[in-house]
Amino acid sequence: MKNSTNLYKNGQSVNIIETGEVVTILKSQYVKNMKRYSYIVKEHPETFFFEEELKDQ
């Protein structure tokens, strides 16, 4: 299993860079072929975001 090196943890509040909207991390997953983490947020469960699309509050 991959070491946990993701920036954000489940339940953490972050901002979407493009919109400035505050969202809550629901689930994170390592995308092996892209070698980075994707995140599903509580407010938009139908889509996902990569770490570079989010920032700490």
Protein backbone atom coordinates (compact mmCIF):
# COMPACT_ATOMS: atom_id res chain seq x y z
CA MET A 1 0.00 0.00 0.00
CA LYS A 2 1.14 3.56 -0.74
CA ASN A 3 2.47 5.65 2.17
CA SER A 4 0.08 8.35 3.28
CA THR A 5 1.70 11.46 1.79
CA ASN A 6 -1.49 13.20 0.76
CA LEU A 7 -1.81 16.84 1.83
CA TYR A 8 -5.38 16.72 3.10
CA LYS A 9 -7.17 14.41 5.52
CA ASN A 10 -10.81 13.27 5.59
CA GLY A 11 -12.99 15.86 7.31
CA GLN A 12 -10.55 18.72 6.68
CA SER A 13 -11.91 22.02 5.33
CA VAL A 14 -10.09 23.42 2.30
CA ASN A 15 -10.69 25.98 -0.44
CA ILE A 16 -11.17 25.25 -4.13
CA ILE A 17 -8.59 27.56 -5.73
CA GLU A 18 -10.65 28.41 -8.82
CA THR A 19 -13.82 29.45 -6.97
CA GLY A 20 -12.64 30.17 -3.42
CA GLU A 21 -15.44 27.92 -2.12
CA VAL A 22 -14.84 26.25 1.24
CA VAL A 23 -15.39 22.48 1.03
CA THR A 24 -14.87 19.44 3.27
CA ILE A 25 -12.75 16.47 2.18
CA LEU A 26 -14.95 13.38 2.10
CA LYS A 27 -12.53 10.83 0.61
CA SER A 28 -9.02 10.72 -0.82
CA GLN A 29 -7.58 8.17 -3.20
CA TYR A 30 -4.15 7.66 -4.77
CA VAL A 31 -4.34 7.49 -8.58
CA LYS A 32 -1.45 5.17 -9.38
CA ASN A 33 -1.12 5.86 -13.12
CA MET A 34 -1.13 9.65 -12.52
CA LYS A 35 1.03 9.37 -9.37
CA ARG A 36 -1.06 11.81 -7.35
CA TYR A 37 -4.03 11.99 -5.01
CA SER A 38 -7.59 12.82 -5.96
CA TYR A 39 -10.19 14.08 -3.50
CA ILE A 40 -13.97 13.88 -3.35
CA VAL A 41 -15.56 16.69 -1.37
CA LYS A 42 -18.79 16.61 0.60
CA GLU A 43 -20.32 19.57 -1.26
CA HIS A 44 -19.67 18.14 -4.76
CA PRO A 45 -19.62 14.32 -4.45
CA GLU A 46 -20.17 13.85 -8.19
CA THR A 47 -16.70 15.17 -9.10
CA PHE A 48 -13.13 14.99 -7.84
CA PHE A 49 -10.25 17.40 -7.38
CA PHE A 50 -6.48 16.97 -7.41
CA GLU A 51 -4.21 18.44 -4.71
CA GLU A 52 -3.12 21.32 -6.92
CA GLU A 53 -6.75 22.44 -7.28
CA LEU A 54 -7.18 22.82 -3.51
CA LYS A 55 -5.51 24.88 -0.78
CA ASP A 56 -5.60 25.11 3.02
CA GLN A 57 -7.99 27.58 4.54
